[in-house]
């Protein structure tokens, strides 16, 4: 959950490249780019923590997450430390769009890879031998099988044949069907097992142009309630209201989300999002890191020289939280296990 939240922070911040403006937006103005995954994630957290790994002893359910409460001065100090040590590569005192872009790419990849590594380790991948045309001796590689994933993730009752006994179990079975579609989408060689590279596409299909189609399908399923293969503004807002947290209490939140839908997501201005528009939102073809870099510059570049100074970032520090590495925010519990952050 912690990684998903942090990943969503990056995805939300990496808005449409046209969103940059001279007016600094409020934090709540950021689009909810990957929130379509949250409702399924919440259901998984509620219903699947009963599964235990008997080979390792009883695994504890995920512990309550703790986040460091950083005050304004701490945020400023940490941001300037990151600027000096990681972003301002040429040490000239100015931060360019390219420098911001490269750092944002590093952070996003770290969030994704840490999540993949953590979940990959949880499933205790097995080693299999694969014969290749290039060599005589079989190649050894680690894989996770579909059966192993099911057994490690879902309660035994959900894996039984037949109709579900409760509404909650029906929801879990629906989640299994959805997971199976993701699995097959990520399984490039179709052998039923996922290598670590394939597992990454299973966990984060939205990061892959090849695998991203399944994330678009999931988003359409979550939002398109009347099943007309389009997402109306009303459906879009209903979904965001369902999956968003305290940020929706901000009086400007609803109008900001509606404006993002109308001005940037709805390319043909017909009042709804078709599959192509949904794909550009969920699996964009533009460089999200570059778009976010220019958005940050547009917020704090007071002298309009297309660069930022340390003073700019310090004065507008509340808009630069995405520059802080995840470990600055999360107090990790080393005993935490993660079963289903793919959703």
Protein backbone atom coordinates (compact mmCIF):
# COMPACT_ATOMS: atom_id res chain seq x y z
CA UNK A 1 0.00 0.00 0.00
CA UNK A 2 2.78 2.42 0.92
CA UNK A 3 4.49 2.02 -2.43
CA UNK A 4 1.21 2.29 -4.31
CA UNK A 5 0.43 5.57 -2.57
CA UNK A 6 3.85 6.94 -3.39
CA UNK A 7 3.64 5.68 -6.94
CA UNK A 8 0.27 7.39 -7.34
CA UNK A 9 1.89 10.59 -6.08
CA UNK A 10 4.32 10.47 -9.00
CA UNK A 11 1.67 9.44 -11.50
CA UNK A 12 -0.73 12.13 -10.35
CA UNK A 13 1.96 14.80 -10.51
CA UNK A 14 3.06 13.74 -13.99
CA UNK A 15 0.15 15.48 -15.63
CA UNK A 16 -0.63 16.31 -19.24
CA UNK A 17 2.22 18.34 -20.79
CA UNK A 18 -0.24 21.11 -21.58
CA UNK A 19 -1.14 21.71 -17.94
CA UNK A 20 1.80 23.99 -17.17
CA UNK A 21 0.70 27.54 -16.41
CA UNK A 22 2.07 30.65 -14.78
CA UNK A 23 -0.41 30.26 -11.92
CA UNK A 24 0.67 27.89 -9.19
CA UNK A 25 -1.98 25.19 -8.77
CA UNK A 26 -3.06 23.92 -5.38
CA UNK A 27 -1.98 20.37 -4.51
CA UNK A 28 -5.59 19.24 -4.91
CA UNK A 29 -5.59 20.42 -8.53
CA UNK A 30 -3.50 17.45 -9.62
CA UNK A 31 -5.32 14.83 -11.70
CA UNK A 32 -5.95 11.41 -10.16
CA UNK A 33 -4.14 9.55 -12.92
CA UNK A 34 -3.94 6.02 -11.49
CA UNK A 35 -6.67 6.08 -8.90
CA UNK A 36 -8.71 3.61 -10.96
CA UNK A 37 -6.65 0.89 -9.27
CA UNK A 38 -7.43 1.95 -5.72
CA UNK A 39 -10.90 0.46 -5.24
CA UNK A 40 -9.68 -3.01 -6.12
CA UNK A 41 -6.65 -2.53 -3.91
CA UNK A 42 -8.89 -1.62 -0.96
CA UNK A 43 -11.02 -4.70 -1.50
CA UNK A 44 -7.91 -6.85 -1.62
CA UNK A 45 -6.69 -5.42 1.65
CA UNK A 46 -10.02 -6.19 3.29
CA UNK A 47 -10.47 -9.75 2.07
CA UNK A 48 -7.11 -11.32 1.33
CA UNK A 49 -4.96 -10.81 4.42
CA UNK A 50 -6.13 -14.16 5.79
CA UNK A 51 -3.72 -16.05 3.49
CA UNK A 52 -0.58 -17.29 5.26
CA UNK A 53 2.66 -18.74 3.99
CA UNK A 54 2.96 -21.99 5.96
CA UNK A 55 6.49 -22.69 4.73
CA UNK A 56 7.76 -19.54 6.45
CA UNK A 57 5.50 -19.68 9.50
CA UNK A 58 2.44 -17.56 10.03
CA UNK A 59 2.96 -14.32 8.14
CA UNK A 60 1.58 -11.31 9.88
CA UNK A 61 -0.96 -9.11 8.06
CA UNK A 62 0.46 -5.85 6.80
CA UNK A 63 1.14 -3.62 9.76
CA UNK A 64 -0.24 -0.14 10.05
CA UNK A 65 1.76 2.20 7.86
CA UNK A 66 3.57 5.07 9.49
CA UNK A 67 4.51 8.25 7.72
CA UNK A 68 6.91 10.86 8.93
CA UNK A 69 5.14 14.11 9.68
CA UNK A 70 7.56 16.64 8.25
CA UNK A 71 7.17 20.28 9.17
CA UNK A 72 7.80 23.11 6.74
CA UNK A 73 11.40 23.72 7.82
CA UNK A 74 12.24 20.01 7.55
CA UNK A 75 10.78 19.85 4.06
CA UNK A 76 12.82 22.86 2.99
CA UNK A 77 16.04 21.39 4.37
CA UNK A 78 15.46 18.03 2.74
CA UNK A 79 14.55 19.60 -0.60
CA UNK A 80 17.69 21.73 -0.65
CA UNK A 81 19.77 18.69 0.28
CA UNK A 82 18.26 16.77 -2.65
CA UNK A 83 18.83 19.73 -4.97
CA UNK A 84 22.49 20.05 -4.00
CA UNK A 85 23.33 16.34 -3.95
CA UNK A 86 21.13 14.89 -6.68
CA UNK A 87 19.61 17.42 -9.05
CA UNK A 88 22.07 20.25 -9.69
CA UNK A 89 24.59 18.08 -11.49
CA UNK A 90 26.76 20.87 -12.88
CA UNK A 91 26.76 22.73 -9.54
CA UNK A 92 25.94 26.06 -11.16
CA UNK A 93 23.18 26.95 -8.69
CA UNK A 94 20.43 26.71 -11.31
CA UNK A 95 18.03 23.83 -11.86
CA UNK A 96 17.08 23.15 -15.47
CA UNK A 97 14.17 21.17 -16.87
CA UNK A 98 16.57 18.43 -17.96
CA UNK A 99 18.03 18.13 -14.46
CA UNK A 100 14.56 17.93 -12.94
CA UNK A 101 13.44 15.41 -15.54
CA UNK A 102 16.37 13.09 -14.89
CA UNK A 103 15.82 13.13 -11.13
CA UNK A 104 12.08 12.51 -11.50
CA UNK A 105 12.82 9.53 -13.74
CA UNK A 106 15.17 8.11 -11.12
CA UNK A 107 12.57 8.51 -8.38
CA UNK A 108 9.76 6.99 -10.41
CA UNK A 109 11.88 4.00 -11.38
CA UNK A 110 12.93 3.53 -7.75
CA UNK A 111 9.33 3.44 -6.55
CA UNK A 112 8.37 0.93 -9.21
CA UNK A 113 11.42 -1.30 -8.85
CA UNK A 114 11.25 -1.32 -5.05
CA UNK A 115 7.63 -2.43 -5.28
CA UNK A 116 8.46 -5.16 -7.79
CA UNK A 117 11.44 -6.39 -5.75
CA UNK A 118 9.42 -6.51 -2.55
CA UNK A 119 6.55 -8.47 -4.05
CA UNK A 120 8.84 -10.75 -6.07
CA UNK A 121 10.61 -11.75 -2.87
CA UNK A 122 7.32 -12.39 -1.09
CA UNK A 123 6.29 -15.02 -3.66
CA UNK A 124 9.56 -16.93 -3.24
CA UNK A 125 10.24 -17.50 -6.96
CA UNK A 126 11.31 -20.96 -8.07
CA UNK A 127 14.24 -21.76 -10.34
CA UNK A 128 13.51 -23.51 -13.62
CA UNK A 129 15.79 -24.64 -16.44
CA UNK A 130 15.13 -23.38 -19.95
CA UNK A 131 16.76 -24.80 -23.06
CA UNK A 132 17.87 -22.30 -25.66
CA UNK A 133 19.18 -22.54 -29.23
CA UNK A 134 22.30 -20.59 -28.29
CA UNK A 135 23.77 -22.98 -25.75
CA UNK A 136 23.99 -26.66 -24.92
CA UNK A 137 23.37 -26.29 -21.22
CA UNK A 138 19.94 -25.13 -20.03
CA UNK A 139 19.62 -21.61 -18.71
CA UNK A 140 18.38 -21.20 -15.16
CA UNK A 141 15.89 -18.47 -14.39
CA UNK A 142 13.59 -17.60 -11.53
CA UNK A 143 9.86 -17.63 -12.12
CA UNK A 144 6.58 -17.42 -10.24
CA UNK A 145 3.80 -19.70 -11.44
CA UNK A 146 0.15 -18.74 -11.64
CA UNK A 147 -0.71 -21.47 -9.14
CA UNK A 148 1.89 -20.18 -6.70
CA UNK A 149 0.57 -16.66 -7.03
CA UNK A 150 -2.99 -17.84 -6.35
CA UNK A 151 -2.02 -19.91 -3.32
CA UNK A 152 0.09 -17.14 -1.80
CA UNK A 153 -2.48 -14.42 -2.41
CA UNK A 154 -6.06 -15.63 -2.03
CA UNK A 155 -7.96 -17.55 0.69
CA UNK A 156 -8.61 -21.22 0.01
CA UNK A 157 -12.36 -20.68 -0.19
CA UNK A 158 -11.93 -18.33 -3.14
CA UNK A 159 -9.99 -20.99 -5.07
CA UNK A 160 -12.73 -23.60 -4.81
CA UNK A 161 -15.00 -24.36 -7.75
CA UNK A 162 -18.62 -23.29 -7.58
CA UNK A 163 -20.61 -20.19 -6.79
CA UNK A 164 -19.30 -17.88 -4.07
CA UNK A 165 -20.99 -18.19 -0.70
CA UNK A 166 -21.01 -14.49 0.20
CA UNK A 167 -20.96 -11.14 -1.63
CA UNK A 168 -17.45 -10.60 -0.29
CA UNK A 169 -16.25 -13.91 -1.73
CA UNK A 170 -17.87 -13.06 -5.07
CA UNK A 171 -15.82 -9.88 -5.09
CA UNK A 172 -12.65 -11.87 -4.42
CA UNK A 173 -13.46 -14.29 -7.25
CA UNK A 174 -13.98 -11.33 -9.56
CA UNK A 175 -10.57 -10.07 -8.50
CA UNK A 176 -9.04 -13.43 -9.36
CA UNK A 177 -10.52 -13.29 -12.85
CA UNK A 178 -9.13 -9.81 -13.25
CA UNK A 179 -5.72 -10.92 -11.98
CA UNK A 180 -5.72 -13.84 -14.42
CA UNK A 181 -6.27 -11.46 -17.32
CA UNK A 182 -3.35 -9.35 -16.14
CA UNK A 183 -1.22 -12.47 -15.72
CA UNK A 184 -1.87 -13.70 -19.25
CA UNK A 185 -1.24 -10.21 -20.59
CA UNK A 186 2.17 -10.11 -18.88
CA UNK A 187 3.10 -13.72 -19.78
CA UNK A 188 4.93 -13.00 -23.03
CA UNK A 189 6.01 -16.59 -23.75
CA UNK A 190 2.69 -18.05 -22.62
CA UNK A 191 4.19 -20.71 -20.36
CA UNK A 192 2.01 -19.84 -17.36
CA UNK A 193 4.99 -18.58 -15.37
CA UNK A 194 6.25 -15.04 -15.00
CA UNK A 195 9.89 -14.08 -15.07
CA UNK A 196 10.81 -11.00 -13.06
CA UNK A 197 10.56 -8.83 -16.17
CA UNK A 198 7.11 -10.21 -16.92
CA UNK A 199 6.14 -9.84 -13.25
CA UNK A 200 6.93 -6.13 -13.49
CA UNK A 201 4.40 -5.83 -16.33
CA UNK A 202 1.90 -7.69 -14.16
CA UNK A 203 2.41 -5.32 -11.22
CA UNK A 204 2.76 -2.12 -13.25
CA UNK A 205 1.16 -2.54 -16.69
CA UNK A 206 0.62 1.22 -16.87
CA UNK A 207 4.41 1.61 -17.20
CA UNK A 208 4.58 -0.49 -20.37
CA UNK A 209 3.29 0.41 -23.81
CA UNK A 210 3.15 -3.32 -24.58
CA UNK A 211 1.26 -4.36 -21.46
CA UNK A 212 -0.60 -1.12 -20.81
CA UNK A 213 -3.76 -2.12 -22.63
CA UNK A 214 -4.93 -4.17 -19.66
CA UNK A 215 -4.67 -1.12 -17.39
CA UNK A 216 -6.90 0.78 -19.82
CA UNK A 217 -9.44 -2.07 -19.78
CA UNK A 218 -9.45 -2.02 -15.98
CA UNK A 219 -9.95 1.74 -15.91
CA UNK A 220 -12.87 1.46 -18.33
CA UNK A 221 -14.45 -1.30 -16.25
CA UNK A 222 -14.13 0.73 -13.07
CA UNK A 223 -15.61 3.94 -14.50
CA UNK A 224 -17.93 3.00 -17.39
CA UNK A 225 -20.99 2.09 -15.34
CA UNK A 226 -23.50 2.19 -18.22
CA UNK A 227 -21.24 -0.02 -20.37
CA UNK A 228 -21.39 2.22 -23.45
CA UNK A 229 -17.59 2.01 -23.93
CA UNK A 230 -17.14 5.63 -22.92
CA UNK A 231 -16.56 7.42 -19.63
CA UNK A 232 -18.71 10.48 -19.10
CA UNK A 233 -17.76 13.38 -16.86
CA UNK A 234 -20.35 12.17 -14.34
CA UNK A 235 -18.84 8.66 -14.29
CA UNK A 236 -15.35 10.10 -14.02
CA UNK A 237 -16.27 12.30 -11.07
CA UNK A 238 -18.24 9.53 -9.35
CA UNK A 239 -15.21 7.26 -9.50
CA UNK A 240 -12.81 9.92 -8.23
CA UNK A 241 -15.15 10.69 -5.35
CA UNK A 242 -15.20 7.00 -4.47
CA UNK A 243 -11.45 6.44 -4.45
CA UNK A 244 -10.10 9.82 -3.29
CA UNK A 245 -9.26 10.65 0.29
CA UNK A 246 -9.23 13.84 2.29
CA UNK A 247 -8.15 15.90 -0.70
CA UNK A 248 -11.71 15.91 -2.04
CA UNK A 249 -12.76 18.03 0.96
CA UNK A 250 -10.86 20.94 -0.57
CA UNK A 251 -13.46 23.34 -2.04
CA UNK A 252 -11.45 23.60 -5.26
CA UNK A 253 -11.00 19.85 -5.73
CA UNK A 254 -14.12 19.07 -7.76
CA UNK A 255 -13.74 22.01 -10.13
CA UNK A 256 -10.06 21.17 -10.64
CA UNK A 257 -10.87 17.56 -11.58
CA UNK A 258 -13.70 18.64 -13.87
CA UNK A 259 -11.41 21.15 -15.53
CA UNK A 260 -8.73 18.53 -16.09
CA UNK A 261 -11.29 16.20 -17.68
CA UNK A 262 -12.70 18.91 -19.96
CA UNK A 263 -9.52 20.72 -20.90
CA UNK A 264 -6.97 17.92 -21.20
CA UNK A 265 -8.41 14.40 -21.10
CA UNK A 266 -11.36 14.90 -23.45
CA UNK A 267 -9.33 15.52 -26.60
CA UNK A 268 -12.27 15.61 -29.04
CA UNK A 269 -14.45 17.67 -26.67
CA UNK A 270 -17.47 15.38 -26.96
CA UNK A 271 -18.07 15.23 -23.21
CA UNK A 272 -16.76 11.71 -22.65
CA UNK A 273 -13.54 9.68 -22.81
CA UNK A 274 -13.23 6.95 -25.42
CA UNK A 275 -10.71 4.12 -25.22
CA UNK A 276 -8.00 6.08 -27.04
CA UNK A 277 -8.39 9.03 -24.69
CA UNK A 278 -8.35 6.73 -21.70
CA UNK A 279 -5.15 5.11 -22.94
CA UNK A 280 -3.42 8.46 -23.32
CA UNK A 281 -4.38 9.21 -19.74
CA UNK A 282 -3.46 5.86 -18.19
CA UNK A 283 -0.52 4.92 -20.46
CA UNK A 284 0.58 8.27 -21.93
CA UNK A 285 2.86 8.49 -24.92
CA UNK A 286 4.42 11.75 -23.77
CA UNK A 287 7.27 11.88 -21.27
CA UNK A 288 5.61 12.34 -17.89
CA UNK A 289 8.86 13.28 -16.19
CA UNK A 290 9.54 16.04 -18.69
CA UNK A 291 5.97 17.32 -18.38
CA UNK A 292 6.24 17.42 -14.60
CA UNK A 293 9.63 19.16 -14.79
CA UNK A 294 8.19 21.97 -16.89
CA UNK A 295 5.12 22.18 -14.66
CA UNK A 296 7.33 22.69 -11.62
CA UNK A 297 9.35 25.35 -13.40
CA UNK A 298 6.15 27.17 -14.40
CA UNK A 299 5.13 27.34 -10.74
CA UNK A 300 8.27 28.87 -9.24
CA UNK A 301 10.21 30.51 -12.11
CA UNK A 302 9.77 34.10 -10.99
CA UNK A 303 12.26 35.67 -13.39
CA UNK A 304 10.98 33.60 -16.35
CA UNK A 305 14.41 32.33 -17.37
CA UNK A 306 13.14 28.71 -17.58
CA UNK A 307 15.36 27.71 -14.65
CA UNK A 308 14.93 27.46 -10.91
CA UNK A 309 17.18 28.60 -8.09
CA UNK A 310 17.48 27.06 -4.63
CA UNK A 311 15.53 30.08 -3.37
CA UNK A 312 12.70 29.40 -5.81
CA UNK A 313 12.35 25.85 -4.56
CA UNK A 314 12.63 26.90 -0.92
CA UNK A 315 9.93 29.56 -1.27
CA UNK A 316 7.57 27.23 -3.15
CA UNK A 317 8.57 24.08 -1.28
CA UNK A 318 5.00 22.80 -0.86
CA UNK A 319 4.80 22.22 -4.64
CA UNK A 320 8.06 20.25 -4.84
CA UNK A 321 7.30 17.31 -2.57
CA UNK A 322 7.60 14.90 -5.50
CA UNK A 323 11.35 15.61 -5.52
CA UNK A 324 11.80 13.90 -2.15
CA UNK A 325 12.76 10.20 -2.23
CA UNK A 326 10.16 7.79 -0.82
CA UNK A 327 12.33 6.86 2.16
CA UNK A 328 12.04 10.44 3.43
CA UNK A 329 8.34 9.86 4.01
CA UNK A 330 7.85 6.22 4.89
CA UNK A 331 8.87 4.52 8.08
CA UNK A 332 9.23 0.98 6.86
CA UNK A 333 8.29 -2.03 8.95
CA UNK A 334 10.80 -4.76 8.02
CA UNK A 335 8.24 -7.44 8.90
CA UNK A 336 5.66 -6.12 6.47
CA UNK A 337 4.57 -8.52 3.74
CA UNK A 338 2.79 -7.47 0.59
CA UNK A 339 0.46 -9.74 -1.24
CA UNK A 340 -1.39 -7.73 -3.78
CA UNK A 341 0.04 -4.28 -4.44
CA UNK A 342 -0.43 -4.97 -8.15
CA UNK A 343 -3.94 -3.61 -7.67
